[in-house]
Amino acid sequence: MHTGLGRFAQPTLLLNEPKASPRGIWYANAFGTLNIESLGQSEGTAYGASGLFGDWMQERFSARDYHFAGAEFGTCDPIRIVAALRAENRAHHYCALGDPATVRSKNELLECFCPSSMAWRNETVATALRIIAMGAGALTRVTM
């Protein structure tokens, strides 16, 4: 579970394999009502990534049929997120801990990744629990 990318409170299931692959098709069948994307696809929610925990687990436990996907929940505009990350980094390196710029930047960063909106929080937690239940149910039916 991760937050930041995508439309406000909307989930995207991110795969580290092509959607058209056998495993990608399994995810589509298991989580059909969710938006499912491959990492790094053009016009997608997320960029390509390396060094993922799921890849490490699959390599470490190669005798197991390991399934891994990330659920990304949107929060706010990506430009706002980048600005918040930059401001917090600047305050961390150049301001004192109690400095108003530090407090302001840390509060903005928190708002960008965990909005204070109760509607966002309630919807995101409910959807995350639904995704977990869907995954658990699908894994009991794994035939790959």
Protein backbone atom coordinates (compact mmCIF):
# COMPACT_ATOMS: atom_id res chain seq x y z
CA MET A 1 0.00 0.00 0.00
CA HIS A 2 1.31 3.41 -0.97
CA THR A 3 -0.08 6.91 -1.35
CA GLY A 4 0.63 9.90 -3.54
CA LEU A 5 0.12 9.05 -7.21
CA GLY A 6 -3.22 9.14 -8.98
CA ARG A 7 -6.62 10.72 -8.54
CA PHE A 8 -7.77 11.64 -5.02
CA ALA A 9 -8.61 8.46 -3.02
CA GLN A 10 -8.66 6.32 -6.17
CA PRO A 11 -6.66 3.07 -6.10
CA THR A 12 -4.41 1.76 -8.83
CA LEU A 13 -2.93 -1.72 -8.61
CA LEU A 14 0.64 -1.49 -9.91
CA LEU A 15 2.29 -4.57 -11.41
CA ASN A 16 5.95 -5.13 -12.16
CA GLU A 17 5.05 -7.24 -15.20
CA PRO A 18 3.09 -6.61 -18.40
CA LYS A 19 -0.69 -6.65 -18.05
CA ALA A 20 -0.83 -9.09 -20.99
CA SER A 21 1.48 -11.63 -19.29
CA PRO A 22 -0.03 -14.74 -17.65
CA ARG A 23 0.48 -13.20 -14.23
CA GLY A 24 -0.95 -9.87 -15.40
CA ILE A 25 -4.06 -11.69 -16.60
CA TRP A 26 -4.31 -13.41 -13.20
CA TYR A 27 -4.30 -9.97 -11.53
CA ALA A 28 -6.99 -8.74 -13.93
CA ASN A 29 -9.17 -11.72 -13.02
CA ALA A 30 -8.49 -11.40 -9.29
CA PHE A 31 -8.92 -7.61 -9.05
CA GLY A 32 -11.10 -6.92 -12.08
CA THR A 33 -12.91 -3.93 -10.61
CA LEU A 34 -9.67 -2.05 -9.91
CA ASN A 35 -7.59 0.04 -12.25
CA ILE A 36 -4.54 -2.16 -12.99
CA GLU A 37 -1.35 -0.85 -14.62
CA SER A 38 2.15 -2.05 -15.29
CA LEU A 39 4.88 0.11 -13.76
CA GLY A 40 6.37 2.52 -16.23
CA GLN A 41 3.73 2.20 -18.93
CA SER A 42 3.25 5.32 -21.00
CA GLU A 43 0.31 7.41 -19.86
CA GLY A 44 0.35 5.43 -16.60
CA THR A 45 0.14 6.43 -12.97
CA ALA A 46 3.64 5.38 -11.91
CA TYR A 47 7.16 5.35 -13.25
CA GLY A 48 9.24 2.21 -13.75
CA ALA A 49 11.07 1.06 -10.63
CA SER A 50 13.89 -1.30 -9.78
CA GLY A 51 14.93 -2.93 -6.54
CA LEU A 52 11.35 -3.73 -5.56
CA PHE A 53 10.61 -5.83 -2.49
CA GLY A 54 8.48 -8.21 -4.54
CA ASP A 55 11.35 -8.92 -6.91
CA TRP A 56 13.65 -9.57 -3.96
CA MET A 57 11.11 -11.94 -2.39
CA GLN A 58 10.62 -13.86 -5.65
CA GLU A 59 14.38 -14.23 -6.05
CA ARG A 60 14.91 -15.17 -2.42
CA PHE A 61 12.07 -17.71 -2.41
CA SER A 62 12.24 -18.88 -6.01
CA ALA A 63 10.64 -22.23 -5.16
CA ARG A 64 7.46 -20.37 -4.18
CA ASP A 65 4.81 -18.90 -6.44
CA TYR A 66 5.08 -15.36 -5.12
CA HIS A 67 2.49 -12.71 -6.07
CA PHE A 68 3.32 -9.03 -5.57
CA ALA A 69 1.55 -5.83 -6.53
CA GLY A 70 1.42 -2.34 -5.09
CA ALA A 71 -1.80 -0.54 -4.35
CA GLU A 72 -1.31 3.17 -4.94
CA PHE A 73 -3.90 5.62 -3.61
CA GLY A 74 -4.04 9.09 -5.12
CA THR A 75 -3.78 12.16 -2.94
CA CYS A 76 -3.13 15.44 -4.77
CA ASP A 77 -1.57 17.04 -7.83
CA PRO A 78 1.92 15.65 -8.60
CA ILE A 79 3.38 19.18 -8.88
CA ARG A 80 2.24 19.86 -5.31
CA ILE A 81 3.89 16.62 -4.16
CA VAL A 82 7.20 17.45 -5.86
CA ALA A 83 7.11 20.96 -4.39
CA ALA A 84 6.44 19.53 -0.91
CA LEU A 85 9.29 17.02 -1.24
CA ARG A 86 11.66 19.76 -2.37
CA ALA A 87 10.61 22.16 0.42
CA GLU A 88 10.96 19.49 3.11
CA ASN A 89 14.38 18.46 1.79
CA ARG A 90 15.54 22.10 1.77
CA ALA A 91 14.23 22.68 5.32
CA HIS A 92 15.83 19.45 6.53
CA HIS A 93 19.25 20.51 5.27
CA TYR A 94 19.18 24.26 5.87
CA CYS A 95 16.73 25.04 8.71
CA ALA A 96 16.65 24.29 12.41
CA LEU A 97 14.20 21.67 13.67
CA GLY A 98 11.77 24.20 15.22
CA ASP A 99 12.07 26.72 12.39
CA PRO A 100 8.64 27.70 10.97
CA ALA A 101 9.82 26.67 7.47
CA THR A 102 10.63 23.18 8.77
CA VAL A 103 7.28 22.82 10.53
CA ARG A 104 5.39 24.15 7.49
CA SER A 105 7.23 21.87 5.05
CA LYS A 106 6.77 18.75 7.18
CA ASN A 107 3.05 19.49 7.61
CA GLU A 108 2.64 19.99 3.85
CA LEU A 109 4.50 16.76 3.09
CA LEU A 110 2.26 14.87 5.52
CA GLU A 111 -0.83 16.39 3.88
CA CYS A 112 0.45 15.34 0.44
CA PHE A 113 0.84 11.68 1.42
CA CYS A 114 -1.82 11.34 4.14
CA PRO A 115 -4.54 13.94 3.55
CA SER A 116 -6.40 15.14 6.62
CA SER A 117 -9.70 14.74 4.76
CA MET A 118 -11.78 12.18 6.65
CA ALA A 119 -13.51 11.27 3.39
CA TRP A 120 -10.10 10.40 1.85
CA ARG A 121 -9.02 8.44 4.92
CA ASN A 122 -12.28 6.49 5.26
CA GLU A 123 -12.49 5.66 1.56
CA THR A 124 -8.81 4.71 1.32
CA VAL A 125 -8.85 2.42 4.37
CA ALA A 126 -12.09 0.75 3.26
CA THR A 127 -10.70 0.20 -0.24
CA ALA A 128 -7.37 -1.09 1.10
CA LEU A 129 -9.19 -3.64 3.26
CA ARG A 130 -11.28 -4.68 0.23
CA ILE A 131 -8.09 -5.13 -1.83
CA ILE A 132 -6.56 -7.28 0.91
CA ALA A 133 -9.70 -9.44 1.04
CA MET A 134 -9.77 -9.76 -2.77
CA GLY A 135 -6.11 -10.79 -2.78
CA ALA A 136 -6.56 -13.32 0.00
CA GLY A 137 -9.54 -14.82 -1.81
CA ALA A 138 -7.69 -14.95 -5.13
CA LEU A 139 -4.65 -16.61 -3.58
CA THR A 140 -6.80 -19.45 -2.28
CA ARG A 141 -7.76 -20.11 -5.90
CA VAL A 142 -4.27 -19.81 -7.47
CA THR A 143 -3.81 -22.24 -10.35
CA MET A 144 -0.68 -20.78 -11.98
